[in-house]
Protein backbone atom coordinates (compact mmCIF):
# COMPACT_ATOMS: atom_id res chain seq x y z
CA UNK A 1 94.32 103.28 92.70
CA UNK A 2 93.49 101.65 89.37
CA UNK A 3 89.91 100.57 88.71
CA UNK A 4 89.50 96.75 88.58
CA UNK A 5 88.88 96.71 84.82
CA UNK A 6 92.02 98.79 84.20
CA UNK A 7 94.11 96.86 86.71
CA UNK A 8 93.36 93.57 84.96
CA UNK A 9 94.54 95.04 81.65
CA UNK A 10 98.02 95.92 82.95
CA UNK A 11 101.02 94.12 84.37
CA UNK A 12 102.12 96.64 87.00
CA UNK A 13 105.78 96.83 87.98
CA UNK A 14 106.76 99.22 90.79
CA UNK A 15 110.38 99.89 91.78
CA UNK A 16 111.68 102.33 94.38
CA UNK A 17 115.00 103.41 92.88
CA UNK A 18 116.51 104.39 96.24
CA UNK A 19 117.09 100.67 96.87
CA UNK A 20 119.36 100.33 93.83
CA UNK A 21 123.10 100.10 94.58
CA UNK A 22 123.89 101.62 91.19
CA UNK A 23 121.96 102.84 88.15
CA UNK A 24 122.69 99.69 86.14
CA UNK A 25 121.18 97.33 88.72
CA UNK A 26 117.69 98.59 87.83
CA UNK A 27 117.61 96.22 84.83
CA UNK A 28 117.99 93.14 87.02
CA UNK A 29 115.26 94.38 89.37
CA UNK A 30 112.84 94.95 86.47
CA UNK A 31 113.54 91.45 85.11
CA UNK A 32 112.83 90.03 88.55
CA UNK A 33 109.54 91.94 88.85
CA UNK A 34 108.45 90.91 85.35
CA UNK A 35 109.05 87.27 86.23
CA UNK A 36 111.18 86.49 83.17
CA UNK A 37 114.34 84.38 83.10
CA UNK A 38 117.45 86.17 84.30
CA UNK A 39 120.35 85.94 81.79
CA UNK A 40 123.64 84.45 82.94
CA UNK A 41 125.46 87.69 82.25
CA UNK A 42 124.22 90.96 83.70
CA UNK A 43 125.42 92.72 80.56
CA UNK A 44 122.47 91.19 78.67
CA UNK A 45 119.77 92.39 81.09
CA UNK A 46 118.81 95.44 79.01
CA UNK A 47 118.53 93.41 75.79
CA UNK A 48 116.37 90.77 77.53
CA UNK A 49 113.92 93.43 78.73
CA UNK A 50 113.70 95.09 75.30
CA UNK A 51 113.02 91.71 73.66
CA UNK A 52 110.28 91.00 76.20
CA UNK A 53 108.59 94.37 75.56
CA UNK A 54 107.61 93.40 72.00
CA UNK A 55 106.32 89.93 72.93
CA UNK A 56 102.63 89.07 73.21
CA UNK A 57 101.57 89.94 76.76
CA UNK A 58 99.60 92.48 78.77
CA UNK A 59 100.56 96.11 78.59
CA UNK A 60 103.27 96.77 81.19
CA UNK A 61 102.85 99.74 83.53
CA UNK A 62 106.36 100.48 84.81
CA UNK A 63 106.44 102.88 87.77
CA UNK A 64 109.89 104.07 88.86
CA UNK A 65 109.74 106.01 92.11
CA UNK A 66 112.64 108.37 92.93
CA UNK A 67 113.82 107.95 89.33
CA UNK A 68 116.42 110.70 89.80
CA UNK A 69 118.43 108.14 91.80
CA UNK A 70 119.30 106.50 88.45
CA UNK A 71 121.47 109.43 87.40
CA UNK A 72 124.86 108.36 86.03
CA UNK A 73 127.78 110.01 84.27
CA UNK A 74 126.35 109.83 80.74
CA UNK A 75 122.74 109.14 81.79
CA UNK A 76 122.78 106.03 79.58
CA UNK A 77 120.41 104.09 81.85
CA UNK A 78 117.81 106.86 82.02
CA UNK A 79 117.97 107.48 78.26
CA UNK A 80 117.49 103.75 77.58
CA UNK A 81 114.47 103.50 79.89
CA UNK A 82 112.80 106.60 78.43
CA UNK A 83 113.30 105.17 74.92
CA UNK A 84 111.45 101.90 75.67
CA UNK A 85 107.92 103.26 74.99
CA UNK A 86 109.04 104.40 71.52
CA UNK A 87 110.32 100.96 70.45
CA UNK A 88 108.03 99.70 67.63
CA UNK A 89 105.32 97.33 68.95
CA UNK A 90 106.53 97.70 72.54
CA UNK A 91 103.87 97.27 75.21
CA UNK A 92 104.96 99.53 78.02
CA UNK A 93 103.82 102.69 79.77
CA UNK A 94 106.48 104.45 81.82
CA UNK A 95 105.76 106.57 84.89
CA UNK A 96 108.74 108.24 86.54
CA UNK A 97 108.41 109.98 89.92
CA UNK A 98 111.01 112.53 91.03
CA UNK A 99 111.30 115.46 93.41
CA UNK A 100 112.68 117.77 90.70
CA UNK A 101 110.15 118.90 88.10
CA UNK A 102 112.92 119.90 85.67
CA UNK A 103 114.64 116.49 85.82
CA UNK A 104 114.22 115.61 82.13
CA UNK A 105 115.07 119.13 80.91
CA UNK A 106 118.16 119.35 83.09
CA UNK A 107 119.82 115.95 82.71
CA UNK A 108 118.06 114.42 79.67
CA UNK A 109 118.01 117.23 77.08
CA UNK A 110 118.06 114.82 74.12
CA UNK A 111 114.50 113.75 74.93
CA UNK A 112 113.27 117.20 73.89
CA UNK A 113 114.63 116.72 70.35
CA UNK A 114 112.30 113.82 69.52
CA UNK A 115 108.55 114.26 69.93
CA UNK A 116 107.95 110.56 70.59
CA UNK A 117 110.40 110.63 73.52
CA UNK A 118 109.32 113.90 75.10
CA UNK A 119 107.66 112.99 78.42
CA UNK A 120 104.46 114.56 79.68
CA UNK A 121 105.08 116.36 82.97
CA UNK A 122 102.60 116.37 85.85
CA UNK A 123 103.35 118.73 88.71
CA UNK A 124 102.17 117.76 92.20
CA UNK A 125 102.63 120.83 94.37
CA UNK A 126 103.71 120.56 98.04
CA UNK A 127 100.84 120.05 100.45
CA UNK A 128 99.30 123.18 101.92
CA UNK A 129 98.53 123.74 105.59
CA UNK A 130 94.84 123.05 105.00
CA UNK A 131 95.52 119.82 103.11
CA UNK A 132 97.87 118.55 105.82
CA UNK A 133 95.26 119.28 108.50
CA UNK A 134 92.65 117.42 106.43
CA UNK A 135 94.87 114.36 105.89
CA UNK A 136 95.92 114.07 109.55
CA UNK A 137 92.32 114.57 110.69
CA UNK A 138 91.12 111.85 108.33
CA UNK A 139 93.78 109.41 109.59
CA UNK A 140 92.81 110.13 113.20
CA UNK A 141 89.13 109.71 112.35
CA UNK A 142 89.80 106.32 110.77
CA UNK A 143 91.53 105.26 113.99
CA UNK A 144 88.64 106.58 116.10
CA UNK A 145 90.80 109.13 117.94
CA UNK A 146 89.91 112.35 116.11
CA UNK A 147 89.80 114.33 119.40
CA UNK A 148 93.40 113.51 120.36
CA UNK A 149 94.76 116.83 118.97
CA UNK A 150 93.49 120.25 119.99
CA UNK A 151 92.69 122.56 117.10
CA UNK A 152 95.60 124.91 117.83
CA UNK A 153 98.09 122.04 118.10
CA UNK A 154 97.00 120.63 114.75
CA UNK A 155 97.18 124.04 113.07
CA UNK A 156 100.69 124.70 114.40
CA UNK A 157 102.01 121.31 113.30
CA UNK A 158 100.51 121.57 109.81
CA UNK A 159 101.59 125.20 109.38
CA UNK A 160 105.22 124.46 110.30
CA UNK A 161 105.54 121.49 107.93
CA UNK A 162 103.76 123.33 105.09
CA UNK A 163 106.07 126.34 105.46
CA UNK A 164 109.26 124.26 105.37
CA UNK A 165 108.63 121.39 102.95
CA UNK A 166 104.96 120.57 102.44
CA UNK A 167 105.90 116.89 102.89
CA UNK A 168 102.87 115.09 104.29
CA UNK A 169 104.99 112.05 105.20
CA UNK A 170 107.03 114.25 107.52
CA UNK A 171 103.81 115.68 108.97
CA UNK A 172 102.44 112.20 109.71
CA UNK A 173 105.72 111.12 111.28
CA UNK A 174 105.80 114.22 113.50
CA UNK A 175 102.17 113.58 114.47
CA UNK A 176 103.08 110.06 115.55
CA UNK A 177 106.01 111.32 117.63
CA UNK A 178 103.84 113.99 119.26
CA UNK A 179 101.29 111.36 120.30
CA UNK A 180 104.06 109.10 121.64
CA UNK A 181 105.47 112.01 123.66
CA UNK A 182 102.03 112.85 125.06
CA UNK A 183 101.45 109.23 126.06
CA UNK A 184 104.81 109.04 127.84
CA UNK A 185 103.95 112.18 129.81
CA UNK A 186 100.36 111.15 130.55
CA UNK A 187 99.76 111.28 134.30
CA UNK A 188 97.97 108.55 136.16
CA UNK A 189 94.75 109.55 137.89
CA UNK A 190 94.30 109.05 141.63
CA UNK A 191 90.87 107.75 142.55
CA UNK A 192 89.56 106.72 145.99
CA UNK A 193 89.27 102.99 146.47
CA UNK A 194 87.66 101.23 149.42
CA UNK A 195 90.04 99.47 151.79
CA UNK A 196 88.15 96.49 153.27
CA UNK A 197 90.40 96.28 156.32
CA UNK A 198 90.34 99.94 157.35
CA UNK A 199 86.82 100.68 156.01
CA UNK A 200 88.13 103.96 154.65
CA UNK A 201 88.88 105.56 151.36
CA UNK A 202 92.53 105.59 150.35
CA UNK A 203 93.87 107.01 147.11
CA UNK A 204 95.21 104.37 144.73
CA UNK A 205 96.56 104.62 141.20
CA UNK A 206 94.01 103.36 138.73
CA UNK A 207 94.74 102.65 135.05
CA UNK A 208 94.02 103.56 132.39
CA UNK A 209 94.57 107.27 132.78
CA UNK A 210 92.10 109.83 131.54
CA UNK A 211 92.82 110.68 127.91
CA UNK A 212 94.12 114.23 127.55
CA UNK A 213 94.24 115.90 124.12
CA UNK A 214 97.65 116.72 122.67
CA UNK A 215 98.30 120.44 123.09
CA UNK A 216 100.81 123.03 121.90
CA UNK A 217 103.48 122.04 124.42
CA UNK A 218 104.02 118.56 122.98
CA UNK A 219 103.92 119.82 119.39
CA UNK A 220 106.51 122.54 120.07
CA UNK A 221 108.80 120.02 121.80
CA UNK A 222 108.81 117.65 118.81
CA UNK A 223 109.06 120.45 116.22
CA UNK A 224 112.09 121.86 118.04
CA UNK A 225 113.70 118.44 117.92
CA UNK A 226 113.04 117.99 114.19
CA UNK A 227 113.64 121.48 112.86
CA UNK A 228 116.10 122.86 115.37
CA UNK A 229 116.08 124.18 118.87
CA UNK A 230 117.30 122.87 122.18
CA UNK A 231 117.38 119.10 122.62
CA UNK A 232 117.81 116.98 125.69
CA UNK A 233 120.46 114.77 124.10
CA UNK A 234 120.68 112.15 126.82
CA UNK A 235 116.89 111.77 126.98
CA UNK A 236 116.65 111.39 123.18
CA UNK A 237 119.51 108.91 123.07
CA UNK A 238 117.73 106.54 125.46
CA UNK A 239 114.84 106.18 122.99
CA UNK A 240 116.96 104.98 120.04
CA UNK A 241 116.63 101.38 118.79
CA UNK A 242 119.91 99.43 118.68
CA UNK A 243 120.52 99.84 114.92
CA UNK A 244 120.10 103.62 115.17
CA UNK A 245 122.55 103.75 118.10
CA UNK A 246 125.11 101.74 116.13
CA UNK A 247 124.72 104.05 113.13
CA UNK A 248 125.20 107.17 115.24
CA UNK A 249 128.20 105.71 117.07
CA UNK A 250 129.76 104.79 113.72
CA UNK A 251 129.23 108.36 112.54
CA UNK A 252 130.82 109.78 115.70
CA UNK A 253 133.77 107.40 115.25
CA UNK A 254 134.39 108.78 111.74
CA UNK A 255 133.96 112.41 112.81
CA UNK A 256 136.20 112.06 115.89
CA UNK A 257 138.90 109.67 114.66
CA UNK A 258 138.70 109.55 110.86
CA UNK A 259 140.98 111.51 108.55
CA UNK A 260 138.25 112.54 106.11
CA UNK A 261 135.33 114.28 107.82
CA UNK A 262 133.15 114.22 104.66
CA UNK A 263 130.88 111.27 105.37
CA UNK A 264 128.76 109.58 102.71
CA UNK A 265 126.05 107.00 103.34
CA UNK A 266 128.24 104.35 101.66
CA UNK A 267 131.28 105.13 103.81
CA UNK A 268 129.16 105.20 106.97
CA UNK A 269 127.64 101.83 106.06
CA UNK A 270 131.10 100.27 105.62
CA UNK A 271 132.24 101.44 109.08
CA UNK A 272 128.90 100.40 110.59
CA UNK A 273 129.31 96.86 109.17
CA UNK A 274 132.77 96.56 110.74
CA UNK A 275 131.38 97.75 114.08
CA UNK A 276 128.59 95.15 113.95
CA UNK A 277 130.89 92.32 112.84
CA UNK A 278 133.35 92.98 115.66
CA UNK A 279 130.52 92.78 118.21
CA UNK A 280 128.66 89.83 116.64
CA UNK A 281 125.63 91.97 115.80
CA UNK A 282 123.71 91.35 112.57
CA UNK A 283 124.17 94.34 110.24
CA UNK A 284 121.41 95.52 107.90
CA UNK A 285 122.06 95.81 104.15
CA UNK A 286 122.48 99.14 102.37
CA UNK A 287 118.80 99.53 101.42
CA UNK A 288 117.64 99.06 105.03
CA UNK A 289 120.52 101.25 106.21
CA UNK A 290 119.22 104.11 104.06
CA UNK A 291 115.86 103.68 105.79
CA UNK A 292 117.51 103.84 109.22
CA UNK A 293 119.24 107.08 108.16
CA UNK A 294 115.87 108.52 107.16
CA UNK A 295 114.33 107.61 110.52
CA UNK A 296 117.13 109.37 112.39
CA UNK A 297 116.80 112.35 110.05
CA UNK A 298 113.17 112.80 111.14
CA UNK A 299 114.47 113.37 114.69
CA UNK A 300 116.51 116.31 113.44
CA UNK A 301 119.83 114.66 114.35
CA UNK A 302 121.13 114.04 110.84
CA UNK A 303 120.72 115.71 107.51
CA UNK A 304 121.11 113.66 104.33
CA UNK A 305 121.99 115.73 101.26
CA UNK A 306 122.56 114.90 97.60
CA UNK A 307 120.33 113.78 94.73
CA UNK A 308 122.42 110.96 93.29
CA UNK A 309 122.36 107.31 94.32
CA UNK A 310 121.91 106.84 98.09
CA UNK A 311 125.46 105.58 98.72
CA UNK A 312 126.87 108.91 97.54
CA UNK A 313 124.58 111.13 99.63
CA UNK A 314 126.39 113.11 102.32
CA UNK A 315 125.60 112.68 106.01
CA UNK A 316 125.76 115.76 108.23
CA UNK A 317 125.39 115.77 112.02
CA UNK A 318 122.95 118.50 113.05
CA UNK A 319 123.46 118.26 116.80
CA UNK A 320 126.49 119.66 118.60
CA UNK A 321 129.27 117.12 118.07
CA UNK A 322 130.97 117.61 121.44
CA UNK A 323 127.74 117.43 123.47
CA UNK A 324 126.50 114.39 121.59
CA UNK A 325 129.86 112.64 121.93
CA UNK A 326 129.93 113.38 125.66
CA UNK A 327 126.46 111.86 126.08
CA UNK A 328 127.52 108.68 124.26
CA UNK A 329 130.69 108.38 126.35
CA UNK A 330 128.51 107.63 129.39
CA UNK A 331 127.35 104.35 127.82
CA UNK A 332 129.92 101.54 127.91
CA UNK A 333 129.27 99.88 124.54
CA UNK A 334 128.82 103.17 122.69
CA UNK A 335 131.89 104.73 124.27
CA UNK A 336 133.87 101.69 123.13
CA UNK A 337 132.58 102.03 119.55
CA UNK A 338 133.29 105.75 119.10
CA UNK A 339 136.91 105.18 120.18
CA UNK A 340 137.49 101.97 118.17
CA UNK A 341 139.80 103.13 115.36
CA UNK A 342 140.25 99.52 114.13
CA UNK A 343 136.83 99.82 112.43
CA UNK A 344 137.91 102.76 110.26
C-alpha cells in the first residue's frame, strides 16, 4: 500500500492481463485506464500511449499483473511495453508481475543487451507453512472467530498447501470450504423445554447449535477433494452454481461427443455459449468464464494448464469421466446438454 504522499504523486494504472483476449488488446485497456481519448483505429493505440507518456502529467505507475499472459509469437507487445520507461522524457514506472522468475531472460533476451531496458527482478518466494498459518489466523482473528480451527487442523491445511504450491490464495479458499463443510455437518443440540400443557420436560431442537471447532476430519475431506482422493461425485455436483454446472456439462459434451478431445478454454467457452443460447440462459463473457474455470479448479475437478493467453490454456478433467458422466445423466437438463451434439 502506497503512503498518502507517494500515492498523490502517481497516477496508478492496474491491469490484470488474464482478462485480455489477446496481447494487443492491452493497449486499449491502458488507454481506458489512463482516461485519454481512444483513437478511431486500434492500430494507433500504441502510438497514442507513447505520445501521452511524454506529456506534462503525474508520473504513471503501470502495474501489469500476470504479465506473462501477453506472450505472443514475436513478443512485440512485451518488448514495446518494457521500452516505454526508456523513452526520453517519459513519465512511467513499469511493474510486471509473473509466476516465472526467468520470464524476461527466457522470452525477452534483447532486454539484457541494453542496460536501460534491463529490468530489476524481485523474487517473492512461495509462502511457508508458518506464514500460511499466520495469515489464516490473522484473517480469523479479524472476523472474531479465531477459535474455529483446532491447532492440528490448521497445521495440516497449511502444511499441505505449502508442500504443493505455497499459494496462500489456495489456502484461504480451502479454509473457506472447510468451514462451509463443518457448518453443513453441524448438529443441532437437543435441550429440554417446558411444555405448558403437559407440565413436563420434552426435548426440542433449539438453534443456534453449539459452535464446534473445525477438526482434522473436515480438513482431510476438503484436501482430498482438491488434491486427489475419493470424491462423492453426486454430493459435490449438487453444490455447484448453475454457471459451473453448464461449464462442466459443456466439457462432458466435448469429451463424449466431440472429435477433438484436446479442450482449450476458448473452445469450451464457444460450446458453453451455444448451450446457454439454446436454453435461453445468459452466458458470461470470456473473462468471467476464466474465473468460473478457476473456481471449479479449486474443487479438484479440473486442471487448467498453459502459460499463454487464457483462451489457449488446456482444460483437463481430473475426475473419472465415466463416473462423472453417469452422475450428470441422472439430472434431466444436464443429461440433455451432454448429449446435445448440435452445440458442437
